[in-house]
Each structure stands twice: as structure tokens, then as C-alpha cells.
Amino acid sequence: MSIIKGDARSYSIAAASIIAKTTRDRMMRELDEIYPQYGFAKHMGYATRDHLAAINQHGPCPVHRRTFGVVRQPRLPGF
């Protein structure tokens, strides 16, 4: 069930949101140590301009979601 603005209406949803974000941020910092060329610690996995440029330059790494549009699309030479 979806609850609109659930984190403002429920302490447990708010707590889960904080735990999820801090866990994701920790994972991104750890991945940044393994794959520094992608800048995970900076963009925390969001599709920023720098993140997309790194994928374009280096190709996707094993932790990139294959359903992510930029990863799913074939790379063309020169792009």
C-alpha cells in the first residue's frame, strides 16, 4: 500500500527512510573505494551529469543496474 507523504505521517516510515538513506550512502562510499572513477561518494548513485559522463567514459561497472537507461542502451563510438 502506498502512503502519500508517509514519512511525515508515520514515525516508522520516517525511521525506515533515514535508515535506507544512510545505508545507501555508506554503500556508495564503499563502492567509491572499489570504483573511484565513477565518483559514487559524490553523487551517491543519482544520475548526475558527472555520473552519466563517467559511465559514458568507462562503461558500466558490475554494480550498475542493467535496467538503468544509460547502462541498457548500447554505447556508440564517440559518445
Protein backbone atom coordinates (compact mmCIF):
# COMPACT_ATOMS: atom_id res chain seq x y z
CA MET A 1 0.00 0.00 0.00
CA SER A 2 1.31 3.43 -0.90
CA ILE A 3 1.04 6.22 1.66
CA ILE A 4 1.46 9.72 0.26
CA LYS A 5 3.94 11.72 2.38
CA GLY A 6 4.27 8.65 4.55
CA ASP A 7 7.46 9.83 6.23
CA ALA A 8 5.56 12.86 7.56
CA ARG A 9 2.64 10.72 8.76
CA SER A 10 4.39 7.75 10.33
CA TYR A 11 7.40 7.55 12.63
CA SER A 12 8.23 4.05 11.41
CA ILE A 13 8.19 5.13 7.76
CA ALA A 14 10.34 8.16 8.62
CA ALA A 15 12.81 5.95 10.52
CA ALA A 16 12.94 3.43 7.68
CA SER A 17 13.60 6.26 5.22
CA ILE A 18 16.53 7.53 7.30
CA ILE A 19 17.97 4.03 7.68
CA ALA A 20 17.64 3.38 3.94
CA LYS A 21 19.35 6.66 3.04
CA THR A 22 22.24 6.24 5.48
CA THR A 23 22.72 2.63 4.37
CA ARG A 24 22.74 3.67 0.71
CA ASP A 25 25.20 6.48 1.41
CA ARG A 26 27.55 4.10 3.26
CA MET A 27 27.35 1.61 0.39
CA MET A 28 28.11 4.36 -2.14
CA ARG A 29 31.22 5.42 -0.15
CA GLU A 30 32.38 1.78 -0.05
CA LEU A 31 31.77 1.37 -3.79
CA ASP A 32 33.70 4.59 -4.40
CA GLU A 33 36.78 2.92 -2.91
CA ILE A 34 36.41 -0.02 -5.31
CA TYR A 35 35.39 2.01 -8.38
CA PRO A 36 36.80 5.54 -7.82
CA GLN A 37 36.45 6.52 -11.49
CA TYR A 38 32.65 6.71 -11.08
CA GLY A 39 32.54 9.15 -8.15
CA PHE A 40 29.91 7.22 -6.20
CA ALA A 41 30.77 9.06 -2.95
CA LYS A 42 29.98 12.36 -4.63
CA HIS A 43 26.70 11.63 -6.43
CA MET A 44 25.52 8.77 -4.16
CA GLY A 45 24.12 6.86 -7.12
CA TYR A 46 21.97 9.63 -8.55
CA ALA A 47 22.10 10.16 -12.31
CA THR A 48 24.05 13.41 -12.18
CA ARG A 49 25.88 14.84 -15.18
CA ASP A 50 29.20 13.60 -13.71
CA HIS A 51 27.81 10.11 -13.10
CA LEU A 52 26.49 9.83 -16.65
CA ALA A 53 29.79 11.13 -18.05
CA ALA A 54 31.72 8.52 -16.04
CA ILE A 55 29.51 5.71 -17.36
CA ASN A 56 29.98 7.04 -20.87
CA GLN A 57 33.76 7.26 -20.45
CA HIS A 58 34.39 3.99 -18.58
CA GLY A 59 31.33 1.92 -19.42
CA PRO A 60 29.15 0.42 -16.68
CA CYS A 61 30.79 -1.41 -13.79
CA PRO A 62 29.41 -4.64 -12.28
CA VAL A 63 27.29 -2.76 -9.71
CA HIS A 64 25.40 -0.60 -12.21
CA ARG A 65 21.79 -1.70 -12.62
CA ARG A 66 21.29 -3.19 -16.05
CA THR A 67 17.80 -1.64 -16.12
CA PHE A 68 19.30 1.89 -15.80
CA GLY A 69 18.63 3.53 -19.19
CA VAL A 70 22.21 4.66 -19.80
CA VAL A 71 23.54 1.19 -19.00
CA ARG A 72 20.86 -0.60 -21.01
CA GLN A 73 21.48 1.39 -24.19
CA PRO A 74 24.41 0.32 -26.35
CA ARG A 75 27.35 2.71 -26.39
CA LEU A 76 28.13 4.34 -29.69
CA PRO A 77 31.71 5.24 -30.63
CA GLY A 78 32.47 8.88 -29.87
CA PHE A 79 29.56 9.33 -27.43
